[in-house]
C-alpha atoms as a PDB file:
ATOM      1  CA  MET A   1    -272.186 -27.228 117.176  1.00  0.00           C
ATOM      2  CA  ASN A   2    -269.349 -25.731 119.210  1.00  0.00           C
ATOM      3  CA  HIS A   3    -268.847 -22.213 117.809  1.00  0.00           C
ATOM      4  CA  VAL A   4    -265.083 -22.334 118.422  1.00  0.00           C
ATOM      5  CA  LEU A   5    -264.632 -25.609 116.545  1.00  0.00           C
ATOM      6  CA  GLU A   6    -266.886 -24.338 113.758  1.00  0.00           C
ATOM      7  CA  ASN A   7    -264.365 -21.547 113.137  1.00  0.00           C
ATOM      8  CA  MET A   8    -261.406 -23.952 112.825  1.00  0.00           C
ATOM      9  CA  TYR A   9    -260.090 -24.869 109.367  1.00  0.00           C
ATOM     10  CA  VAL A  10    -257.505 -27.542 108.579  1.00  0.00           C
ATOM     11  CA  VAL A  11    -255.395 -26.799 105.496  1.00  0.00           C
ATOM     12  CA  LEU A  12    -253.149 -29.413 103.865  1.00  0.00           C
ATOM     13  CA  VAL A  13    -250.542 -28.183 101.381  1.00  0.00           C
ATOM     14  CA  GLU A  14    -250.007 -30.537  98.433  1.00  0.00           C
ATOM     15  CA  PRO A  15    -250.574 -33.820 100.304  1.00  0.00           C
ATOM     16  CA  LYS A  16    -249.055 -36.658  98.251  1.00  0.00           C
ATOM     17  CA  ASN A  17    -250.668 -39.620  99.994  1.00  0.00           C
ATOM     18  CA  ALA A  18    -254.401 -40.270  99.791  1.00  0.00           C
ATOM     19  CA  GLY A  19    -254.187 -42.379 102.949  1.00  0.00           C
ATOM     20  CA  ASN A  20    -252.827 -39.389 104.869  1.00  0.00           C
ATOM     21  CA  ILE A  21    -255.796 -37.332 103.740  1.00  0.00           C
ATOM     22  CA  GLY A  22    -258.144 -40.051 104.961  1.00  0.00           C
ATOM     23  CA  SER A  23    -256.355 -40.279 108.314  1.00  0.00           C
ATOM     24  CA  THR A  24    -256.509 -36.494 108.615  1.00  0.00           C
ATOM     25  CA  VAL A  25    -260.278 -36.305 108.173  1.00  0.00           C
ATOM     26  CA  ARG A  26    -260.687 -39.150 110.671  1.00  0.00           C
ATOM     27  CA  ALA A  27    -258.686 -37.120 113.197  1.00  0.00           C
ATOM     28  CA  MET A  28    -260.773 -34.055 112.394  1.00  0.00           C
ATOM     29  CA  LYS A  29    -264.004 -35.986 112.895  1.00  0.00           C
ATOM     30  CA  ASN A  30    -262.785 -37.276 116.279  1.00  0.00           C
ATOM     31  CA  MET A  31    -261.956 -33.724 117.393  1.00  0.00           C
ATOM     32  CA  GLY A  32    -265.174 -32.115 116.142  1.00  0.00           C
ATOM     33  CA  ILE A  33    -263.643 -30.076 113.311  1.00  0.00           C
ATOM     34  CA  ARG A  34    -265.279 -30.313 109.897  1.00  0.00           C
ATOM     35  CA  HIS A  35    -263.684 -27.704 107.603  1.00  0.00           C
ATOM     36  CA  LEU A  36    -260.975 -29.099 105.285  1.00  0.00           C
ATOM     37  CA  ARG A  37    -259.063 -27.214 102.618  1.00  0.00           C
ATOM     38  CA  LEU A  38    -256.466 -28.756 100.320  1.00  0.00           C
ATOM     39  CA  VAL A  39    -253.864 -27.090  98.128  1.00  0.00           C
ATOM     40  CA  ASN A  40    -253.070 -29.059  94.950  1.00  0.00           C
ATOM     41  CA  PRO A  41    -253.753 -32.469  96.509  1.00  0.00           C
ATOM     42  CA  VAL A  42    -253.115 -35.861  94.978  1.00  0.00           C
ATOM     43  CA  GLU A  43    -256.223 -37.676  93.710  1.00  0.00           C
ATOM     44  CA  TYR A  44    -258.073 -38.837  96.806  1.00  0.00           C
ATOM     45  CA  ARG A  45    -261.872 -38.587  96.669  1.00  0.00           C
ATOM     46  CA  ASP A  46    -262.567 -42.049  95.260  1.00  0.00           C
ATOM     47  CA  VAL A  47    -259.294 -43.678  96.277  1.00  0.00           C
ATOM     48  CA  ALA A  48    -259.738 -46.855  98.327  1.00  0.00           C
ATOM     49  CA  GLU A  49    -256.900 -46.058 100.758  1.00  0.00           C
ATOM     50  CA  GLN A  50    -258.400 -42.682 101.570  1.00  0.00           C
ATOM     51  CA  ARG A  51    -261.824 -44.171 102.176  1.00  0.00           C
ATOM     52  CA  LYS A  52    -260.332 -46.881 104.364  1.00  0.00           C
ATOM     53  CA  MET A  53    -258.322 -44.480 106.536  1.00  0.00           C
ATOM     54  CA  GLY A  54    -261.138 -41.915 106.579  1.00  0.00           C
ATOM     55  CA  TYR A  55    -263.812 -44.388 107.626  1.00  0.00           C
ATOM     56  CA  ARG A  56    -267.077 -42.695 108.599  1.00  0.00           C
ATOM     57  CA  SER A  57    -265.558 -39.283 107.875  1.00  0.00           C
ATOM     58  CA  GLN A  58    -266.419 -38.909 104.190  1.00  0.00           C
ATOM     59  CA  GLU A  59    -268.775 -36.005 104.803  1.00  0.00           C
ATOM     60  CA  ILE A  60    -265.647 -33.929 105.533  1.00  0.00           C
ATOM     61  CA  ILE A  61    -264.119 -35.073 102.249  1.00  0.00           C
ATOM     62  CA  GLU A  62    -267.289 -34.250 100.330  1.00  0.00           C
ATOM     63  CA  ALA A  63    -267.475 -30.757 101.809  1.00  0.00           C
ATOM     64  CA  GLY A  64    -263.733 -30.133 101.458  1.00  0.00           C
ATOM     65  CA  ARG A  65    -262.515 -27.345  99.178  1.00  0.00           C
ATOM     66  CA  GLU A  66    -259.507 -27.364  96.857  1.00  0.00           C
ATOM     67  CA  PHE A  67    -257.245 -24.438  95.925  1.00  0.00           C
ATOM     68  CA  THR A  68    -254.292 -23.890  93.632  1.00  0.00           C
ATOM     69  CA  THR A  69    -252.258 -21.860  96.157  1.00  0.00           C
ATOM     70  CA  LEU A  70    -252.014 -21.557  99.920  1.00  0.00           C
ATOM     71  CA  ALA A  71    -252.639 -17.821  99.676  1.00  0.00           C
ATOM     72  CA  ALA A  72    -255.969 -18.492  97.945  1.00  0.00           C
ATOM     73  CA  ALA A  73    -256.937 -21.023 100.620  1.00  0.00           C
ATOM     74  CA  LEU A  74    -256.355 -18.419 103.343  1.00  0.00           C
ATOM     75  CA  LYS A  75    -258.036 -15.359 101.832  1.00  0.00           C
ATOM     76  CA  ASP A  76    -260.959 -15.308 104.255  1.00  0.00           C
ATOM     77  CA  ILE A  77    -258.928 -16.504 107.260  1.00  0.00           C
ATOM     78  CA  SER A  78    -257.911 -14.080 110.022  1.00  0.00           C
ATOM     79  CA  VAL A  79    -255.291 -16.036 111.978  1.00  0.00           C
ATOM     80  CA  VAL A  80    -252.961 -18.691 110.545  1.00  0.00           C
ATOM     81  CA  PHE A  81    -251.019 -21.320 112.489  1.00  0.00           C
ATOM     82  CA  LEU A  82    -248.400 -23.338 110.608  1.00  0.00           C
ATOM     83  CA  ALA A  83    -247.330 -26.692 112.041  1.00  0.00           C
ATOM     84  CA  THR A  84    -243.758 -27.474 111.029  1.00  0.00           C
ATOM     85  CA  SER A  85    -240.678 -29.275 112.309  1.00  0.00           C
ATOM     86  CA  LYS A  86    -238.268 -27.133 110.323  1.00  0.00           C
ATOM     87  CA  LYS A  87    -236.921 -23.902 111.749  1.00  0.00           C
ATOM     88  CA  GLY A  88    -235.380 -21.208 109.616  1.00  0.00           C
ATOM     89  CA  LYS A  89    -234.707 -17.527 109.078  1.00  0.00           C
ATOM     90  CA  TRP A  90    -238.327 -16.798 108.198  1.00  0.00           C
ATOM     91  CA  LYS A  91    -239.848 -19.000 110.886  1.00  0.00           C
ATOM     92  CA  LYS A  92    -239.777 -17.471 114.356  1.00  0.00           C
ATOM     93  CA  ASP A  93    -241.583 -17.691 117.686  1.00  0.00           C
ATOM     94  CA  PHE A  94    -242.457 -21.390 117.762  1.00  0.00           C
ATOM     95  CA  LEU A  95    -245.219 -22.539 120.095  1.00  0.00           C
ATOM     96  CA  PRO A  96    -245.917 -26.017 121.490  1.00  0.00           C
ATOM     97  CA  PRO A  97    -249.383 -27.348 120.570  1.00  0.00           C
ATOM     98  CA  GLU A  98    -250.994 -26.542 123.932  1.00  0.00           C
ATOM     99  CA  LYS A  99    -249.963 -22.865 123.835  1.00  0.00           C
ATOM    100  CA  ALA A 100    -250.965 -22.525 120.211  1.00  0.00           C
ATOM    101  CA  ALA A 101    -254.330 -24.067 121.071  1.00  0.00           C
ATOM    102  CA  GLY A 102    -254.893 -21.479 123.796  1.00  0.00           C
ATOM    103  CA  ILE A 103    -254.414 -18.630 121.333  1.00  0.00           C
ATOM    104  CA  ALA A 104    -256.425 -20.362 118.617  1.00  0.00           C
ATOM    105  CA  VAL A 105    -259.422 -21.075 120.855  1.00  0.00           C
ATOM    106  CA  ASP A 106    -259.533 -17.507 122.187  1.00  0.00           C
ATOM    107  CA  ARG A 107    -259.388 -16.046 118.696  1.00  0.00           C
ATOM    108  CA  ALA A 108    -261.864 -18.536 117.211  1.00  0.00           C
ATOM    109  CA  LEU A 109    -264.606 -17.070 119.374  1.00  0.00           C
ATOM    110  CA  LYS A 110    -264.809 -14.234 116.845  1.00  0.00           C
ATOM    111  CA  GLU A 111    -262.828 -15.145 113.748  1.00  0.00           C
ATOM    112  CA  LYS A 112    -261.751 -17.921 111.380  1.00  0.00           C
ATOM    113  CA  ILE A 113    -258.599 -19.834 112.308  1.00  0.00           C
ATOM    114  CA  ALA A 114    -256.520 -21.983 109.946  1.00  0.00           C
ATOM    115  CA  ILE A 115    -254.164 -24.748 111.040  1.00  0.00           C
ATOM    116  CA  VAL A 116    -251.821 -25.358 108.108  1.00  0.00           C
ATOM    117  CA  PHE A 117    -249.794 -28.530 107.564  1.00  0.00           C
ATOM    118  CA  GLY A 118    -247.119 -28.542 104.866  1.00  0.00           C
ATOM    119  CA  ARG A 119    -245.975 -31.133 102.358  1.00  0.00           C
ATOM    120  CA  GLU A 120    -245.067 -34.523 103.808  1.00  0.00           C
ATOM    121  CA  GLU A 121    -241.449 -34.337 102.635  1.00  0.00           C
ATOM    122  CA  SER A 122    -240.584 -30.683 102.081  1.00  0.00           C
ATOM    123  CA  GLY A 123    -242.948 -28.645 104.271  1.00  0.00           C
ATOM    124  CA  VAL A 124    -243.722 -25.164 102.916  1.00  0.00           C
ATOM    125  CA  THR A 125    -241.845 -22.595 100.855  1.00  0.00           C
ATOM    126  CA  ILE A 126    -240.476 -19.321 102.206  1.00  0.00           C
ATOM    127  CA  ASP A 127    -243.341 -17.376 100.628  1.00  0.00           C
ATOM    128  CA  GLU A 128    -245.907 -19.780 102.075  1.00  0.00           C
ATOM    129  CA  CYS A 129    -244.478 -19.639 105.598  1.00  0.00           C
ATOM    130  CA  GLN A 130    -244.788 -15.859 105.526  1.00  0.00           C
ATOM    131  CA  LEU A 131    -248.554 -16.232 105.452  1.00  0.00           C
ATOM    132  CA  ALA A 132    -248.456 -17.602 109.010  1.00  0.00           C
ATOM    133  CA  ASN A 133    -249.055 -15.583 112.159  1.00  0.00           C
ATOM    134  CA  TYR A 134    -247.773 -18.342 114.468  1.00  0.00           C
ATOM    135  CA  PHE A 135    -245.677 -21.482 114.116  1.00  0.00           C
ATOM    136  CA  ILE A 136    -246.362 -24.750 115.934  1.00  0.00           C
ATOM    137  CA  ILE A 137    -243.715 -27.335 116.679  1.00  0.00           C
ATOM    138  CA  ILE A 138    -244.482 -30.727 118.230  1.00  0.00           C
ATOM    139  CA  PRO A 139    -241.785 -31.774 120.714  1.00  0.00           C
ATOM    140  CA  THR A 140    -240.472 -35.293 120.139  1.00  0.00           C
ATOM    141  CA  ALA A 141    -237.995 -37.581 121.868  1.00  0.00           C
ATOM    142  CA  VAL A 142    -235.939 -38.358 118.753  1.00  0.00           C
ATOM    143  CA  SER A 143    -233.144 -36.488 117.033  1.00  0.00           C
ATOM    144  CA  TYR A 144    -235.200 -36.081 113.856  1.00  0.00           C
ATOM    145  CA  PRO A 145    -238.331 -34.208 115.036  1.00  0.00           C
ATOM    146  CA  SER A 146    -240.784 -35.285 112.369  1.00  0.00           C
ATOM    147  CA  VAL A 147    -244.133 -37.032 112.744  1.00  0.00           C
ATOM    148  CA  ASN A 148    -246.609 -38.382 110.217  1.00  0.00           C
ATOM    149  CA  LEU A 149    -249.007 -35.805 108.760  1.00  0.00           C
ATOM    150  CA  SER A 150    -252.157 -37.226 110.305  1.00  0.00           C
ATOM    151  CA  GLN A 151    -250.385 -37.716 113.648  1.00  0.00           C
ATOM    152  CA  ALA A 152    -249.425 -34.052 113.677  1.00  0.00           C
ATOM    153  CA  VAL A 153    -253.016 -33.087 112.843  1.00  0.00           C
ATOM    154  CA  LEU A 154    -254.354 -35.217 115.687  1.00  0.00           C
ATOM    155  CA  VAL A 155    -251.910 -33.832 118.266  1.00  0.00           C
ATOM    156  CA  VAL A 156    -252.713 -30.197 117.447  1.00  0.00           C
ATOM    157  CA  LEU A 157    -256.470 -30.679 117.116  1.00  0.00           C
ATOM    158  CA  TYR A 158    -256.637 -32.627 120.368  1.00  0.00           C
ATOM    159  CA  GLU A 159    -255.230 -29.635 122.266  1.00  0.00           C
ATOM    160  CA  ILE A 160    -257.746 -27.364 120.546  1.00  0.00           C
ATOM    161  CA  TYR A 161    -260.624 -29.720 121.304  1.00  0.00           C
ATOM    162  CA  LYS A 162    -259.741 -29.924 125.009  1.00  0.00           C
ATOM    163  CA  LEU A 163    -259.869 -26.162 125.414  1.00  0.00           C
ATOM    164  CA  ALA A 164    -262.854 -25.610 123.140  1.00  0.00           C
ATOM    165  CA  GLU A 165    -264.952 -28.062 125.124  1.00  0.00           C
ATOM    166  CA  GLY A 166    -263.929 -26.388 128.376  1.00  0.00           C
ATOM    167  CA  ASN A 167    -266.393 -23.533 127.756  1.00  0.00           C
ATOM    168  CA  ARG A 168    -263.733 -20.864 128.107  1.00  0.00           C
ATOM    169  CA  LYS A 169    -264.990 -17.300 128.416  1.00  0.00           C
ATOM    170  CA  ALA A 170    -264.555 -14.942 125.526  1.00  0.00           C
ATOM    171  CA  VAL A 171    -261.501 -12.712 125.562  1.00  0.00           C
ATOM    172  CA  PRO A 172    -262.163  -9.132 124.388  1.00  0.00           C
ATOM    173  CA  PHE A 173    -259.864  -9.308 121.378  1.00  0.00           C
ATOM    174  CA  PRO A 174    -260.902  -7.189 118.405  1.00  0.00           C
ATOM    175  CA  LYS A 175    -261.691  -9.175 115.285  1.00  0.00           C
ATOM    176  CA  THR A 176    -258.646  -9.537 113.056  1.00  0.00           C
ATOM    177  CA  ALA A 177    -258.817  -8.567 109.393  1.00  0.00           C
ATOM    178  CA  PRO A 178    -258.946 -11.542 106.980  1.00  0.00           C
ATOM    179  CA  LYS A 179    -255.828 -12.420 105.007  1.00  0.00           C
ATOM    180  CA  LYS A 180    -257.066 -10.896 101.755  1.00  0.00           C
ATOM    181  CA  THR A 181    -257.367  -7.513 103.527  1.00  0.00           C
ATOM    182  CA  PHE A 182    -253.992  -7.927 105.203  1.00  0.00           C
ATOM    183  CA  GLU A 183    -252.382  -8.774 101.847  1.00  0.00           C
ATOM    184  CA  ARG A 184    -253.844  -5.561 100.442  1.00  0.00           C
ATOM    185  CA  LEU A 185    -252.170  -3.629 103.253  1.00  0.00           C
ATOM    186  CA  ILE A 186    -248.787  -5.182 102.467  1.00  0.00           C
ATOM    187  CA  ASP A 187    -249.231  -4.442  98.755  1.00  0.00           C
ATOM    188  CA  ASN A 188    -250.169  -0.830  99.508  1.00  0.00           C
ATOM    189  CA  ILE A 189    -247.129  -0.244 101.710  1.00  0.00           C
ATOM    190  CA  TRP A 190    -244.820  -1.985  99.260  1.00  0.00           C
ATOM    191  CA  ASN A 191    -246.173  -0.083  96.246  1.00  0.00           C
ATOM    192  CA  LEU A 192    -245.854   3.178  98.164  1.00  0.00           C
ATOM    193  CA  MET A 193    -242.214   2.461  98.968  1.00  0.00           C
ATOM    194  CA  LYS A 194    -241.521   1.558  95.337  1.00  0.00           C
ATOM    195  CA  SER A 195    -243.057   4.883  94.291  1.00  0.00           C
ATOM    196  CA  LEU A 196    -240.521   6.531  96.623  1.00  0.00           C
ATOM    197  CA  GLU A 197    -237.788   4.782  94.599  1.00  0.00           C
ATOM    198  CA  LEU A 198    -236.959   2.102  97.157  1.00  0.00           C
ATOM    199  CA  ARG A 199    -234.170   0.031  95.607  1.00  0.00           C
ATOM    200  CA  GLU A 200    -235.222  -3.391  96.779  1.00  0.00           C
ATOM    201  CA  PRO A 201    -236.197  -6.420  94.671  1.00  0.00           C
ATOM    202  CA  GLU A 202    -239.631  -7.996  94.783  1.00  0.00           C
ATOM    203  CA  ASN A 203    -239.618 -10.713  97.495  1.00  0.00           C
ATOM    204  CA  GLY A 204    -236.151  -9.562  98.541  1.00  0.00           C
ATOM    205  CA  LEU A 205    -234.879  -9.244 102.104  1.00  0.00           C
ATOM    206  CA  PHE A 206    -236.762  -6.035 102.905  1.00  0.00           C
ATOM    207  CA  HIS A 207    -240.020  -7.184 101.312  1.00  0.00           C
ATOM    208  CA  ARG A 208    -239.975 -10.443 103.280  1.00  0.00           C
ATOM    209  CA  SER A 209    -238.991  -8.664 106.488  1.00  0.00           C
ATOM    210  CA  LEU A 210    -241.872  -6.225 106.024  1.00  0.00           C
ATOM    211  CA  ARG A 211    -244.324  -9.099 105.710  1.00  0.00           C
ATOM    212  CA  ARG A 212    -242.906 -10.902 108.743  1.00  0.00           C
ATOM    213  CA  ALA A 213    -243.028  -7.756 110.887  1.00  0.00           C
ATOM    214  CA  LEU A 214    -246.619  -6.953 109.960  1.00  0.00           C
ATOM    215  CA  ASN A 215    -247.671 -10.569 110.537  1.00  0.00           C
ATOM    216  CA  ARG A 216    -246.716 -10.228 114.199  1.00  0.00           C
ATOM    217  CA  THR A 217    -249.329  -7.546 114.760  1.00  0.00           C
ATOM    218  CA  ARG A 218    -253.071  -8.041 115.241  1.00  0.00           C
ATOM    219  CA  TRP A 219    -254.572  -5.981 112.412  1.00  0.00           C
ATOM    220  CA  THR A 220    -258.290  -5.188 112.453  1.00  0.00           C
ATOM    221  CA  ASN A 221    -260.200  -3.925 109.420  1.00  0.00           C
ATOM    222  CA  ALA A 222    -260.129  -0.457 110.996  1.00  0.00           C
ATOM    223  CA  ASP A 223    -256.329  -0.643 111.424  1.00  0.00           C
ATOM    224  CA  VAL A 224    -255.893  -1.587 107.778  1.00  0.00           C
ATOM    225  CA  ALA A 225    -258.184   1.267 106.726  1.00  0.00           C
ATOM    226  CA  VAL A 226    -256.002   3.770 108.634  1.00  0.00           C
ATOM    227  CA  PHE A 227    -252.826   2.628 106.889  1.00  0.00           C
ATOM    228  CA  ASP A 228    -254.599   2.433 103.525  1.00  0.00           C
ATOM    229  CA  ARG A 229    -255.490   6.091 103.933  1.00  0.00           C
ATOM    230  CA  PHE A 230    -251.948   6.926 105.039  1.00  0.00           C
ATOM    231  CA  CYS A 231    -250.484   5.270 101.926  1.00  0.00           C
ATOM    232  CA  LYS A 232    -253.038   6.974  99.705  1.00  0.00           C
ATOM    233  CA  GLN A 233    -252.248  10.378 101.224  1.00  0.00           C
ATOM    234  CA  VAL A 234    -248.484   9.973 100.821  1.00  0.00           C
ATOM    235  CA  ARG A 235    -248.894   8.880  97.198  1.00  0.00           C
ATOM    236  CA  TRP A 236    -251.148  11.864  96.527  1.00  0.00           C
ATOM    237  CA  PHE A 237    -248.612  14.222  98.080  1.00  0.00           C
ATOM    238  CA  THR A 238    -245.659  12.862  96.089  1.00  0.00           C
ATOM    239  CA  GLU A 239    -247.644  13.062  92.853  1.00  0.00           C
ATOM    240  CA  ASN A 240    -248.754  16.647  93.529  1.00  0.00           C
ATOM    241  CA  ARG A 241    -245.717  17.910  95.412  1.00  0.00           C
ATOM    242  CA  ALA A 242    -244.702  20.382  92.737  1.00  0.00           C
ATOM    243  CA  GLU A 243    -248.058  22.143  92.909  1.00  0.00           C
ATOM    244  CA  ILE A 244    -248.282  22.205  96.728  1.00  0.00           C
ATOM    245  CA  LEU A 245    -244.890  23.307  98.066  1.00  0.00           C
ATOM    246  CA  PRO A 246    -243.728  26.932  97.976  1.00  0.00           C
ATOM    247  CA  GLU A 247    -241.070  27.628  95.360  1.00  0.00           C
ATOM    248  CA  GLU A 248    -238.260  27.887  97.936  1.00  0.00           C
ATOM    249  CA  ASP A 249    -239.069  24.403  99.341  1.00  0.00           C
ATOM    250  CA  LYS A 250    -238.957  22.614  96.012  1.00  0.00           C
END
């Protein structure tokens, strides 16, 4: 088993067509990737259309895992790529599939990588897109740049497969903290700022901007630990300020 491909996870967000799920696992099988995660999928396991489109790929279906939210599906993932055709305020720094594959393969030598594909019709929500570290866009020759779900999966995974099978040498990147640890960091910083009477709403402009800014940085477990301690120290100081400062500084 190719170690790089073993660390690749395909995540489908609320797929509405069982045939698309079948076509997706067929594409995964062809490209040597076996980990499938689905967020609130339509019924598919014993659906004839899924079995037809996913011919000889049912072991991926059987081992697939289901989640109620995208955040839950990504808790143990370090690096998240989101394939989308829709640009927006909260989606920046788009990569073509071949460049995204280069980053993904390098990082997969040491950590788990998720390739996320949104809903067939509506993509992902603002909150969901903020879970991504990178965005992938597939160039097309038409004015409406949208391809079928399984086609998008095949295009992206093909680029990953090409590089993974090329026996690329490991790049000395430190291992990135998993998403559940990164989410704790964001919560710690946000809660600290609220304790300092920051007048910003939950999931408002600042909160979203904070998440986007932190997502652009490669956080290791050690990095998160440093900022956890920083937040803890500031909170301790603010709670005990009256007892610490000299009278003239209060």
